[in-house]
């Protein structure tokens, strides 16, 4: 699985040159089997994360309309224990949110140690939508790249494992999914004229995303570009990337739990002797 992960600032990205479909000869049934195996491991890793309370995990999902942010949450987070998971969606800021800095509402939803948070859209809307729709002067939103890097670095320094995913969908696939919403009664509630209007700014959003990827990719907060035309492959890429990011922490988390277990056993033994 040849997936592009960007972990250093300044790399020039051309989204038009990056496939939105699975690699040739990728088998759908095999991918689903692998996803189930990864899901079991993910549940186990989350259990260690929760018990050790040494780290937290922040997953950022960004992508154009219909790219599959909700679907990714449903299929990947479905393997997790809801006890330690939160999902936050960031739309148009409220009046109270507009009276604070743009990161104020974001920081309140970041995960505590032991927890995993998923952002369905995020602080990146303030350098994407704001830029394309000219909601703020360029001099203002350009400064936000630095604020975002500093914010994510601070979270990482306090133990947050940050994974950012750009769900990369083609213009043709997006059109088909928008049309499908009109045909399927169960999806009609998602119809939004604004989605079609945004398609008129396709190239503007492409440029905005390319700059986001180039200017906010770091070792501690990398971006993964996920081919999203096929939903099953999208889910596999996100799950595999997440598991691979958490695996290196398994031993350390387990050691912490072993230490706690030894101490708890000693406390229990002392209590029994004192009766």
C-alpha atoms as a PDB file:
ATOM      1  CA  UNK A   1       0.000   0.000   0.000  1.00  0.00           C
ATOM      2  CA  UNK A   2       1.868   3.043  -1.268  1.00  0.00           C
ATOM      3  CA  UNK A   3       0.407   5.887   0.760  1.00  0.00           C
ATOM      4  CA  UNK A   4       1.792   9.412   0.860  1.00  0.00           C
ATOM      5  CA  UNK A   5       2.527  10.754   4.325  1.00  0.00           C
ATOM      6  CA  UNK A   6       4.091  14.195   4.606  1.00  0.00           C
ATOM      7  CA  UNK A   7       6.025  14.898   7.785  1.00  0.00           C
ATOM      8  CA  UNK A   8       8.155  17.899   6.992  1.00  0.00           C
ATOM      9  CA  UNK A   9       7.321  21.461   6.213  1.00  0.00           C
ATOM     10  CA  UNK A  10       7.985  22.937   2.781  1.00  0.00           C
ATOM     11  CA  UNK A  11       7.379  19.931   0.526  1.00  0.00           C
ATOM     12  CA  UNK A  12       5.626  21.061  -2.635  1.00  0.00           C
ATOM     13  CA  UNK A  13       2.475  19.052  -3.243  1.00  0.00           C
ATOM     14  CA  UNK A  14       0.489  18.614  -6.464  1.00  0.00           C
ATOM     15  CA  UNK A  15      -2.810  16.951  -5.634  1.00  0.00           C
ATOM     16  CA  UNK A  16      -3.609  16.468  -9.321  1.00  0.00           C
ATOM     17  CA  UNK A  17      -0.612  14.139  -9.534  1.00  0.00           C
ATOM     18  CA  UNK A  18      -1.755  11.958  -6.619  1.00  0.00           C
ATOM     19  CA  UNK A  19      -4.226   9.114  -7.319  1.00  0.00           C
ATOM     20  CA  UNK A  20      -7.663   9.127  -5.735  1.00  0.00           C
ATOM     21  CA  UNK A  21      -8.215   5.418  -6.443  1.00  0.00           C
ATOM     22  CA  UNK A  22      -6.690   2.252  -4.928  1.00  0.00           C
ATOM     23  CA  UNK A  23      -3.492   0.856  -6.467  1.00  0.00           C
ATOM     24  CA  UNK A  24      -3.911  -1.687  -9.240  1.00  0.00           C
ATOM     25  CA  UNK A  25      -4.681  -5.255  -8.140  1.00  0.00           C
ATOM     26  CA  UNK A  26      -5.871  -4.155  -4.707  1.00  0.00           C
ATOM     27  CA  UNK A  27      -8.460  -6.728  -3.691  1.00  0.00           C
ATOM     28  CA  UNK A  28     -11.593  -5.380  -2.013  1.00  0.00           C
ATOM     29  CA  UNK A  29     -12.392  -8.551  -0.070  1.00  0.00           C
ATOM     30  CA  UNK A  30      -8.824  -8.914   1.143  1.00  0.00           C
ATOM     31  CA  UNK A  31      -8.848  -5.274   2.209  1.00  0.00           C
ATOM     32  CA  UNK A  32     -11.981  -5.824   4.275  1.00  0.00           C
ATOM     33  CA  UNK A  33     -10.421  -8.844   5.981  1.00  0.00           C
ATOM     34  CA  UNK A  34      -7.330  -6.831   6.799  1.00  0.00           C
ATOM     35  CA  UNK A  35      -9.506  -4.035   8.158  1.00  0.00           C
ATOM     36  CA  UNK A  36     -11.151  -6.464  10.595  1.00  0.00           C
ATOM     37  CA  UNK A  37      -7.743  -7.687  11.783  1.00  0.00           C
ATOM     38  CA  UNK A  38      -6.545  -4.113  12.215  1.00  0.00           C
ATOM     39  CA  UNK A  39      -9.757  -3.300  14.057  1.00  0.00           C
ATOM     40  CA  UNK A  40      -9.068  -5.952  16.680  1.00  0.00           C
ATOM     41  CA  UNK A  41      -5.557  -4.638  17.185  1.00  0.00           C
ATOM     42  CA  UNK A  42      -6.837  -1.076  17.325  1.00  0.00           C
ATOM     43  CA  UNK A  43      -9.274  -1.986  20.095  1.00  0.00           C
ATOM     44  CA  UNK A  44      -6.447  -3.581  22.082  1.00  0.00           C
ATOM     45  CA  UNK A  45      -4.163  -0.562  21.598  1.00  0.00           C
ATOM     46  CA  UNK A  46      -6.923   1.796  22.657  1.00  0.00           C
ATOM     47  CA  UNK A  47      -7.414  -0.250  25.813  1.00  0.00           C
ATOM     48  CA  UNK A  48      -3.745   0.189  26.671  1.00  0.00           C
ATOM     49  CA  UNK A  49      -3.943   3.911  25.845  1.00  0.00           C
ATOM     50  CA  UNK A  50      -6.914   4.275  28.191  1.00  0.00           C
ATOM     51  CA  UNK A  51      -5.327   2.370  31.038  1.00  0.00           C
ATOM     52  CA  UNK A  52      -1.823   3.833  30.874  1.00  0.00           C
ATOM     53  CA  UNK A  53      -2.996   7.460  30.596  1.00  0.00           C
ATOM     54  CA  UNK A  54       0.375   8.497  29.200  1.00  0.00           C
ATOM     55  CA  UNK A  55      -0.812   9.813  25.844  1.00  0.00           C
ATOM     56  CA  UNK A  56      -3.880  10.998  24.003  1.00  0.00           C
ATOM     57  CA  UNK A  57      -4.688  10.680  20.295  1.00  0.00           C
ATOM     58  CA  UNK A  58      -6.032  13.362  17.981  1.00  0.00           C
ATOM     59  CA  UNK A  59      -7.291  12.380  14.525  1.00  0.00           C
ATOM     60  CA  UNK A  60      -8.014  15.234  12.123  1.00  0.00           C
ATOM     61  CA  UNK A  61     -10.199  14.455   9.101  1.00  0.00           C
ATOM     62  CA  UNK A  62     -10.243  16.998   6.307  1.00  0.00           C
ATOM     63  CA  UNK A  63     -11.559  16.717   2.770  1.00  0.00           C
ATOM     64  CA  UNK A  64     -13.950  18.134   0.252  1.00  0.00           C
ATOM     65  CA  UNK A  65     -17.690  17.579   0.555  1.00  0.00           C
ATOM     66  CA  UNK A  66     -18.608  13.871   0.143  1.00  0.00           C
ATOM     67  CA  UNK A  67     -14.982  12.774   0.656  1.00  0.00           C
ATOM     68  CA  UNK A  68     -16.154  10.468   3.447  1.00  0.00           C
ATOM     69  CA  UNK A  69     -15.374  12.049   6.799  1.00  0.00           C
ATOM     70  CA  UNK A  70     -18.571  10.716   8.374  1.00  0.00           C
ATOM     71  CA  UNK A  71     -18.093   7.312   6.757  1.00  0.00           C
ATOM     72  CA  UNK A  72     -14.529   7.071   8.029  1.00  0.00           C
ATOM     73  CA  UNK A  73     -15.668   7.829  11.554  1.00  0.00           C
ATOM     74  CA  UNK A  74     -18.434   5.225  11.320  1.00  0.00           C
ATOM     75  CA  UNK A  75     -16.249   2.420   9.997  1.00  0.00           C
ATOM     76  CA  UNK A  76     -12.946   3.040  11.778  1.00  0.00           C
ATOM     77  CA  UNK A  77     -14.222   4.378  15.096  1.00  0.00           C
ATOM     78  CA  UNK A  78     -16.666   1.472  15.092  1.00  0.00           C
ATOM     79  CA  UNK A  79     -13.782  -0.742  16.215  1.00  0.00           C
ATOM     80  CA  UNK A  80     -13.119   1.443  19.256  1.00  0.00           C
ATOM     81  CA  UNK A  81     -14.583   1.451  22.742  1.00  0.00           C
ATOM     82  CA  UNK A  82     -16.924   4.484  22.875  1.00  0.00           C
ATOM     83  CA  UNK A  83     -15.895   5.001  26.496  1.00  0.00           C
ATOM     84  CA  UNK A  84     -12.701   6.763  25.444  1.00  0.00           C
ATOM     85  CA  UNK A  85     -13.695   8.355  22.130  1.00  0.00           C
ATOM     86  CA  UNK A  86     -15.084  11.790  21.302  1.00  0.00           C
ATOM     87  CA  UNK A  87     -16.076  13.242  17.942  1.00  0.00           C
ATOM     88  CA  UNK A  88     -16.176  16.977  17.282  1.00  0.00           C
ATOM     89  CA  UNK A  89     -17.518  18.681  14.164  1.00  0.00           C
ATOM     90  CA  UNK A  90     -16.579  22.258  13.454  1.00  0.00           C
ATOM     91  CA  UNK A  91     -18.921  24.302  11.297  1.00  0.00           C
ATOM     92  CA  UNK A  92     -19.562  28.020  11.087  1.00  0.00           C
ATOM     93  CA  UNK A  93     -18.324  29.627  14.339  1.00  0.00           C
ATOM     94  CA  UNK A  94     -20.950  30.795  16.807  1.00  0.00           C
ATOM     95  CA  UNK A  95     -21.072  34.391  17.993  1.00  0.00           C
ATOM     96  CA  UNK A  96     -19.235  33.435  21.183  1.00  0.00           C
ATOM     97  CA  UNK A  97     -16.562  31.572  19.212  1.00  0.00           C
ATOM     98  CA  UNK A  98     -16.015  34.544  16.906  1.00  0.00           C
ATOM     99  CA  UNK A  99     -15.313  36.693  19.965  1.00  0.00           C
ATOM    100  CA  UNK A 100     -12.274  34.512  20.778  1.00  0.00           C
ATOM    101  CA  UNK A 101      -9.173  33.567  18.812  1.00  0.00           C
ATOM    102  CA  UNK A 102      -9.774  30.951  16.106  1.00  0.00           C
ATOM    103  CA  UNK A 103      -8.161  28.156  18.126  1.00  0.00           C
ATOM    104  CA  UNK A 104     -10.233  28.731  21.267  1.00  0.00           C
ATOM    105  CA  UNK A 105     -13.084  26.423  20.280  1.00  0.00           C
ATOM    106  CA  UNK A 106     -10.625  23.815  19.008  1.00  0.00           C
ATOM    107  CA  UNK A 107      -8.559  23.591  22.178  1.00  0.00           C
ATOM    108  CA  UNK A 108     -11.644  22.828  24.254  1.00  0.00           C
ATOM    109  CA  UNK A 109     -12.256  19.628  22.285  1.00  0.00           C
ATOM    110  CA  UNK A 110      -8.718  18.210  22.336  1.00  0.00           C
ATOM    111  CA  UNK A 111      -8.435  14.823  24.099  1.00  0.00           C
ATOM    112  CA  UNK A 112      -7.337  14.224  27.667  1.00  0.00           C
ATOM    113  CA  UNK A 113      -4.671  11.615  28.323  1.00  0.00           C
ATOM    114  CA  UNK A 114      -6.085   8.166  27.721  1.00  0.00           C
ATOM    115  CA  UNK A 115      -8.654   9.458  25.248  1.00  0.00           C
ATOM    116  CA  UNK A 116      -8.953   9.566  21.465  1.00  0.00           C
ATOM    117  CA  UNK A 117     -10.625  12.514  19.729  1.00  0.00           C
ATOM    118  CA  UNK A 118     -11.721  12.692  16.113  1.00  0.00           C
ATOM    119  CA  UNK A 119     -12.174  16.069  14.438  1.00  0.00           C
ATOM    120  CA  UNK A 120     -14.634  16.115  11.545  1.00  0.00           C
ATOM    121  CA  UNK A 121     -13.217  19.265   9.958  1.00  0.00           C
ATOM    122  CA  UNK A 122     -11.050  21.296  12.281  1.00  0.00           C
ATOM    123  CA  UNK A 123      -8.937  24.390  12.799  1.00  0.00           C
ATOM    124  CA  UNK A 124      -7.888  23.993   9.160  1.00  0.00           C
ATOM    125  CA  UNK A 125     -11.215  25.442   8.039  1.00  0.00           C
ATOM    126  CA  UNK A 126      -9.765  28.786   9.110  1.00  0.00           C
ATOM    127  CA  UNK A 127      -7.140  28.619   6.354  1.00  0.00           C
ATOM    128  CA  UNK A 128      -9.373  26.860   3.812  1.00  0.00           C
ATOM    129  CA  UNK A 129     -12.946  28.170   3.799  1.00  0.00           C
ATOM    130  CA  UNK A 130     -11.802  31.540   5.116  1.00  0.00           C
ATOM    131  CA  UNK A 131      -9.266  31.787   2.307  1.00  0.00           C
ATOM    132  CA  UNK A 132     -11.444  30.613  -0.577  1.00  0.00           C
ATOM    133  CA  UNK A 133     -14.489  32.626   0.457  1.00  0.00           C
ATOM    134  CA  UNK A 134     -12.408  35.665   1.372  1.00  0.00           C
ATOM    135  CA  UNK A 135     -13.849  35.864   4.881  1.00  0.00           C
ATOM    136  CA  UNK A 136     -10.689  37.462   6.284  1.00  0.00           C
ATOM    137  CA  UNK A 137      -7.746  39.421   4.865  1.00  0.00           C
ATOM    138  CA  UNK A 138      -4.895  37.325   3.458  1.00  0.00           C
ATOM    139  CA  UNK A 139      -2.523  38.927   5.941  1.00  0.00           C
ATOM    140  CA  UNK A 140      -4.635  37.427   8.735  1.00  0.00           C
ATOM    141  CA  UNK A 141      -5.188  33.872   7.530  1.00  0.00           C
ATOM    142  CA  UNK A 142      -1.579  33.471   6.400  1.00  0.00           C
ATOM    143  CA  UNK A 143      -0.424  34.113   9.959  1.00  0.00           C
ATOM    144  CA  UNK A 144      -2.561  31.191  11.060  1.00  0.00           C
ATOM    145  CA  UNK A 145      -0.244  28.574   9.537  1.00  0.00           C
ATOM    146  CA  UNK A 146       2.336  29.434  12.177  1.00  0.00           C
ATOM    147  CA  UNK A 147      -0.259  29.491  14.943  1.00  0.00           C
ATOM    148  CA  UNK A 148      -1.469  26.040  13.891  1.00  0.00           C
ATOM    149  CA  UNK A 149       2.042  24.562  13.849  1.00  0.00           C
ATOM    150  CA  UNK A 150       2.750  25.988  17.297  1.00  0.00           C
ATOM    151  CA  UNK A 151      -0.592  24.734  18.627  1.00  0.00           C
ATOM    152  CA  UNK A 152      -0.016  21.208  17.366  1.00  0.00           C
ATOM    153  CA  UNK A 153       3.553  21.203  18.642  1.00  0.00           C
ATOM    154  CA  UNK A 154       2.296  22.167  22.102  1.00  0.00           C
ATOM    155  CA  UNK A 155      -0.241  19.331  22.051  1.00  0.00           C
ATOM    156  CA  UNK A 156       2.462  16.868  20.969  1.00  0.00           C
ATOM    157  CA  UNK A 157       4.794  18.032  23.736  1.00  0.00           C
ATOM    158  CA  UNK A 158       2.068  17.176  26.235  1.00  0.00           C
ATOM    159  CA  UNK A 159       1.719  13.641  24.924  1.00  0.00           C
ATOM    160  CA  UNK A 160      -0.863  13.941  22.152  1.00  0.00           C
ATOM    161  CA  UNK A 161      -0.293  11.662  19.168  1.00  0.00           C
ATOM    162  CA  UNK A 162      -1.535  13.684  16.178  1.00  0.00           C
ATOM    163  CA  UNK A 163      -2.621  12.123  12.884  1.00  0.00           C
ATOM    164  CA  UNK A 164      -4.065  14.283  10.113  1.00  0.00           C
ATOM    165  CA  UNK A 165      -5.827  12.788   7.090  1.00  0.00           C
ATOM    166  CA  UNK A 166      -6.728  14.522   3.848  1.00  0.00           C
ATOM    167  CA  UNK A 167      -9.427  12.423   2.170  1.00  0.00           C
ATOM    168  CA  UNK A 168      -8.531  12.863  -1.499  1.00  0.00           C
ATOM    169  CA  UNK A 169     -11.552  12.508  -3.792  1.00  0.00           C
ATOM    170  CA  UNK A 170     -11.776  13.175  -7.531  1.00  0.00           C
ATOM    171  CA  UNK A 171     -14.091  15.748  -9.018  1.00  0.00           C
ATOM    172  CA  UNK A 172     -15.940  13.043 -10.932  1.00  0.00           C
ATOM    173  CA  UNK A 173     -16.521  10.871  -7.878  1.00  0.00           C
ATOM    174  CA  UNK A 174     -17.716  13.846  -5.868  1.00  0.00           C
ATOM    175  CA  UNK A 175     -20.267  14.717  -8.539  1.00  0.00           C
ATOM    176  CA  UNK A 176     -21.578  11.165  -8.552  1.00  0.00           C
ATOM    177  CA  UNK A 177     -21.944  11.117  -4.775  1.00  0.00           C
ATOM    178  CA  UNK A 178     -23.787  14.444  -4.799  1.00  0.00           C
ATOM    179  CA  UNK A 179     -26.168  13.105  -7.445  1.00  0.00           C
ATOM    180  CA  UNK A 180     -26.658   9.897  -5.454  1.00  0.00           C
ATOM    181  CA  UNK A 181     -27.861  11.942  -2.511  1.00  0.00           C
ATOM    182  CA  UNK A 182     -30.682  13.287  -4.632  1.00  0.00           C
ATOM    183  CA  UNK A 183     -31.731   9.783  -5.693  1.00  0.00           C
ATOM    184  CA  UNK A 184     -31.607   8.045  -2.308  1.00  0.00           C
ATOM    185  CA  UNK A 185     -34.284   9.082   0.207  1.00  0.00           C
ATOM    186  CA  UNK A 186     -32.082   8.072   3.154  1.00  0.00           C
ATOM    187  CA  UNK A 187     -29.363  10.481   2.020  1.00  0.00           C
ATOM    188  CA  UNK A 188     -31.586  13.349   0.908  1.00  0.00           C
ATOM    189  CA  UNK A 189     -31.119  15.121   4.248  1.00  0.00           C
ATOM    190  CA  UNK A 190     -27.491  15.718   3.266  1.00  0.00           C
ATOM    191  CA  UNK A 191     -28.434  17.718   0.156  1.00  0.00           C
ATOM    192  CA  UNK A 192     -26.929  21.180   0.313  1.00  0.00           C
ATOM    193  CA  UNK A 193     -26.841  23.677  -2.536  1.00  0.00           C
ATOM    194  CA  UNK A 194     -23.633  25.017  -1.024  1.00  0.00           C
ATOM    195  CA  UNK A 195     -21.859  21.765  -1.928  1.00  0.00           C
ATOM    196  CA  UNK A 196     -22.541  22.408  -5.602  1.00  0.00           C
ATOM    197  CA  UNK A 197     -21.482  26.021  -5.212  1.00  0.00           C
ATOM    198  CA  UNK A 198     -18.187  24.927  -3.668  1.00  0.00           C
ATOM    199  CA  UNK A 199     -17.493  22.809  -6.760  1.00  0.00           C
ATOM    200  CA  UNK A 200     -17.196  26.055  -8.695  1.00  0.00           C
ATOM    201  CA  UNK A 201     -14.170  26.813  -6.510  1.00  0.00           C
ATOM    202  CA  UNK A 202     -12.536  23.410  -7.030  1.00  0.00           C
ATOM    203  CA  UNK A 203      -9.201  24.820  -8.187  1.00  0.00           C
ATOM    204  CA  UNK A 204      -9.160  27.400  -5.386  1.00  0.00           C
ATOM    205  CA  UNK A 205      -9.663  24.669  -2.800  1.00  0.00           C
ATOM    206  CA  UNK A 206      -6.987  22.561  -4.454  1.00  0.00           C
ATOM    207  CA  UNK A 207      -4.480  25.380  -4.079  1.00  0.00           C
ATOM    208  CA  UNK A 208      -5.585  25.996  -0.498  1.00  0.00           C
ATOM    209  CA  UNK A 209      -5.178  22.330   0.460  1.00  0.00           C
ATOM    210  CA  UNK A 210      -1.806  22.093  -1.264  1.00  0.00           C
ATOM    211  CA  UNK A 211      -0.535  25.006   0.800  1.00  0.00           C
ATOM    212  CA  UNK A 212      -1.972  23.528   3.998  1.00  0.00           C
ATOM    213  CA  UNK A 213      -0.160  20.241   3.319  1.00  0.00           C
ATOM    214  CA  UNK A 214       3.086  22.048   2.506  1.00  0.00           C
ATOM    215  CA  UNK A 215       3.063  24.435   5.450  1.00  0.00           C
ATOM    216  CA  UNK A 216       1.637  22.401   8.329  1.00  0.00           C
ATOM    217  CA  UNK A 217       3.238  18.973   7.916  1.00  0.00           C
ATOM    218  CA  UNK A 218       5.669  18.135  10.712  1.00  0.00           C
ATOM    219  CA  UNK A 219       7.176  15.033  12.321  1.00  0.00           C
ATOM    220  CA  UNK A 220       4.864  15.402  15.300  1.00  0.00           C
ATOM    221  CA  UNK A 221       1.777  16.196  13.226  1.00  0.00           C
ATOM    222  CA  UNK A 222       2.064  14.570   9.778  1.00  0.00           C
ATOM    223  CA  UNK A 223      -0.502  14.623   6.991  1.00  0.00           C
ATOM    224  CA  UNK A 224      -1.547  11.428   5.218  1.00  0.00           C
ATOM    225  CA  UNK A 225      -3.172  11.771   1.798  1.00  0.00           C
ATOM    226  CA  UNK A 226      -5.869   9.103   1.569  1.00  0.00           C
ATOM    227  CA  UNK A 227      -7.222   8.003  -1.848  1.00  0.00           C
ATOM    228  CA  UNK A 228     -10.940   8.324  -1.132  1.00  0.00           C
ATOM    229  CA  UNK A 229     -12.795   7.394  -4.333  1.00  0.00           C
ATOM    230  CA  UNK A 230     -13.246   3.870  -2.955  1.00  0.00           C
ATOM    231  CA  UNK A 231     -14.733   3.896   0.520  1.00  0.00           C
ATOM    232  CA  UNK A 232     -13.385   0.474   1.500  1.00  0.00           C
ATOM    233  CA  UNK A 233      -9.834   1.483   0.603  1.00  0.00           C
ATOM    234  CA  UNK A 234     -10.176   4.820   2.399  1.00  0.00           C
ATOM    235  CA  UNK A 235     -11.175   3.016   5.591  1.00  0.00           C
ATOM    236  CA  UNK A 236      -8.272   0.599   5.303  1.00  0.00           C
ATOM    237  CA  UNK A 237      -5.698   3.369   4.838  1.00  0.00           C
ATOM    238  CA  UNK A 238      -6.909   5.321   7.845  1.00  0.00           C
ATOM    239  CA  UNK A 239      -7.079   2.240  10.080  1.00  0.00           C
ATOM    240  CA  UNK A 240      -3.662   0.984   9.052  1.00  0.00           C
ATOM    241  CA  UNK A 241      -2.038   4.398   9.502  1.00  0.00           C
ATOM    242  CA  UNK A 242      -3.589   4.731  12.947  1.00  0.00           C
ATOM    243  CA  UNK A 243      -2.498   1.276  14.094  1.00  0.00           C
ATOM    244  CA  UNK A 244       1.042   1.794  12.781  1.00  0.00           C
ATOM    245  CA  UNK A 245       1.263   5.066  14.698  1.00  0.00           C
ATOM    246  CA  UNK A 246       0.125   3.493  17.972  1.00  0.00           C
ATOM    247  CA  UNK A 247       2.082   0.221  17.834  1.00  0.00           C
ATOM    248  CA  UNK A 248       5.430   1.738  18.929  1.00  0.00           C
ATOM    249  CA  UNK A 249       3.783   2.818  22.193  1.00  0.00           C
ATOM    250  CA  UNK A 250       2.427  -0.628  23.075  1.00  0.00           C
ATOM    251  CA  UNK A 251       5.419  -1.757  25.145  1.00  0.00           C
ATOM    252  CA  UNK A 252       5.648   1.459  27.135  1.00  0.00           C
ATOM    253  CA  UNK A 253       1.912   1.482  27.854  1.00  0.00           C
ATOM    254  CA  UNK A 254       1.979  -2.158  28.902  1.00  0.00           C
ATOM    255  CA  UNK A 255       4.933  -1.518  31.219  1.00  0.00           C
ATOM    256  CA  UNK A 256       3.011   1.293  32.886  1.00  0.00           C
ATOM    257  CA  UNK A 257       0.000  -0.977  33.376  1.00  0.00           C
ATOM    258  CA  UNK A 258       2.243  -3.712  34.795  1.00  0.00           C
ATOM    259  CA  UNK A 259       3.681  -1.213  37.284  1.00  0.00           C
ATOM    260  CA  UNK A 260       0.216  -0.095  38.318  1.00  0.00           C
ATOM    261  CA  UNK A 261      -0.931  -3.708  38.599  1.00  0.00           C
ATOM    262  CA  UNK A 262       2.011  -4.607  40.867  1.00  0.00           C
ATOM    263  CA  UNK A 263       1.294  -1.626  43.111  1.00  0.00           C
ATOM    264  CA  UNK A 264      -2.418  -2.385  43.297  1.00  0.00           C
ATOM    265  CA  UNK A 265      -1.724  -6.004  44.215  1.00  0.00           C
ATOM    266  CA  UNK A 266       0.616  -4.873  47.000  1.00  0.00           C
ATOM    267  CA  UNK A 267      -2.025  -2.485  48.315  1.00  0.00           C
ATOM    268  CA  UNK A 268      -4.622  -5.242  48.286  1.00  0.00           C
ATOM    269  CA  UNK A 269      -2.287  -7.645  50.098  1.00  0.00           C
ATOM    270  CA  UNK A 270      -1.509  -5.010  52.739  1.00  0.00           C
ATOM    271  CA  UNK A 271      -5.232  -4.421  53.242  1.00  0.00           C
ATOM    272  CA  UNK A 272      -5.894  -8.120  53.716  1.00  0.00           C
ATOM    273  CA  UNK A 273      -3.090  -8.484  56.236  1.00  0.00           C
ATOM    274  CA  UNK A 274      -4.391  -5.515  58.179  1.00  0.00           C
ATOM    275  CA  UNK A 275      -7.847  -6.973  58.676  1.00  0.00           C
END
